Amino acid sequence: MGAALAPARFNALPAAQHRAAYSKDPASHIERFDNTLHQRRGRFVRKTLDVLTLKI
């Protein structure tokens, strides 16, 4: 079944119209990096608070 749908899947958009989402905005890599740091900081804070609650 998957092999029969492959041609339709690859021809869904014309090649000229198909663009990656990050190519539209030149600052999107900065936003991705900012979101990565935000997630890492959140994990670090949760781990730190977890360690602090264990010692009390």
C-alpha atoms as a PDB file:
ATOM      1  CA  MET A   1       0.000   0.000   0.000  1.00  0.00           C
ATOM      2  CA  GLY A   2       2.812   2.427   0.848  1.00  0.00           C
ATOM      3  CA  ALA A   3       4.560   1.879  -2.485  1.00  0.00           C
ATOM      4  CA  ALA A   4       1.380   2.760  -4.383  1.00  0.00           C
ATOM      5  CA  LEU A   5       1.055   6.075  -2.525  1.00  0.00           C
ATOM      6  CA  ALA A   6       4.699   7.104  -2.918  1.00  0.00           C
ATOM      7  CA  PRO A   7       4.324   8.949  -6.263  1.00  0.00           C
ATOM      8  CA  ALA A   8       1.392  11.010  -4.974  1.00  0.00           C
ATOM      9  CA  ARG A   9       3.284  11.861  -1.808  1.00  0.00           C
ATOM     10  CA  PHE A  10       6.323  13.133  -3.698  1.00  0.00           C
ATOM     11  CA  ASN A  11       4.269  15.178  -6.161  1.00  0.00           C
ATOM     12  CA  ALA A  12       2.079  16.938  -3.607  1.00  0.00           C
ATOM     13  CA  LEU A  13       3.786  20.298  -4.185  1.00  0.00           C
ATOM     14  CA  PRO A  14       5.556  21.542  -7.291  1.00  0.00           C
ATOM     15  CA  ALA A  15       9.336  21.757  -6.871  1.00  0.00           C
ATOM     16  CA  ALA A  16       9.332  25.545  -7.289  1.00  0.00           C
ATOM     17  CA  GLN A  17       6.750  25.960  -4.510  1.00  0.00           C
ATOM     18  CA  HIS A  18       8.257  23.471  -2.071  1.00  0.00           C
ATOM     19  CA  ARG A  19      10.500  25.286   0.401  1.00  0.00           C
ATOM     20  CA  ALA A  20      11.742  24.399   3.858  1.00  0.00           C
ATOM     21  CA  ALA A  21      10.100  26.413   6.637  1.00  0.00           C
ATOM     22  CA  TYR A  22      13.398  27.751   7.931  1.00  0.00           C
ATOM     23  CA  SER A  23      14.350  29.249   4.570  1.00  0.00           C
ATOM     24  CA  LYS A  24      11.599  31.892   4.794  1.00  0.00           C
ATOM     25  CA  ASP A  25      12.980  33.647   7.851  1.00  0.00           C
ATOM     26  CA  PRO A  26      16.700  34.394   8.109  1.00  0.00           C
ATOM     27  CA  ALA A  27      16.488  34.609  11.926  1.00  0.00           C
ATOM     28  CA  SER A  28      14.707  31.295  12.481  1.00  0.00           C
ATOM     29  CA  HIS A  29      17.942  29.549  13.486  1.00  0.00           C
ATOM     30  CA  ILE A  30      18.290  32.098  16.288  1.00  0.00           C
ATOM     31  CA  GLU A  31      14.741  31.384  17.433  1.00  0.00           C
ATOM     32  CA  ARG A  32      15.409  27.625  17.384  1.00  0.00           C
ATOM     33  CA  PHE A  33      18.549  28.113  19.445  1.00  0.00           C
ATOM     34  CA  ASP A  34      16.663  30.355  21.886  1.00  0.00           C
ATOM     35  CA  ASN A  35      13.958  27.708  22.288  1.00  0.00           C
ATOM     36  CA  THR A  36      16.620  25.051  22.857  1.00  0.00           C
ATOM     37  CA  LEU A  37      18.215  27.142  25.607  1.00  0.00           C
ATOM     38  CA  HIS A  38      14.801  27.800  27.120  1.00  0.00           C
ATOM     39  CA  GLN A  39      14.049  24.073  27.295  1.00  0.00           C
ATOM     40  CA  ARG A  40      17.468  23.241  28.739  1.00  0.00           C
ATOM     41  CA  ARG A  41      17.135  25.952  31.371  1.00  0.00           C
ATOM     42  CA  GLY A  42      13.727  24.599  32.353  1.00  0.00           C
ATOM     43  CA  ARG A  43      15.118  21.088  32.756  1.00  0.00           C
ATOM     44  CA  PHE A  44      18.047  22.404  34.789  1.00  0.00           C
ATOM     45  CA  VAL A  45      15.733  24.331  37.118  1.00  0.00           C
ATOM     46  CA  ARG A  46      13.498  21.307  37.622  1.00  0.00           C
ATOM     47  CA  LYS A  47      16.497  19.093  38.384  1.00  0.00           C
ATOM     48  CA  THR A  48      17.913  21.693  40.783  1.00  0.00           C
ATOM     49  CA  LEU A  49      14.624  22.077  42.615  1.00  0.00           C
ATOM     50  CA  ASP A  50      14.271  18.314  42.798  1.00  0.00           C
ATOM     51  CA  VAL A  51      17.710  17.969  44.406  1.00  0.00           C
ATOM     52  CA  LEU A  52      16.930  20.775  46.861  1.00  0.00           C
ATOM     53  CA  THR A  53      13.683  19.121  47.966  1.00  0.00           C
ATOM     54  CA  LEU A  54      15.496  15.843  48.614  1.00  0.00           C
ATOM     55  CA  LYS A  55      18.017  17.472  50.982  1.00  0.00           C
ATOM     56  CA  ILE A  56      15.426  19.283  53.114  1.00  0.00           C
END
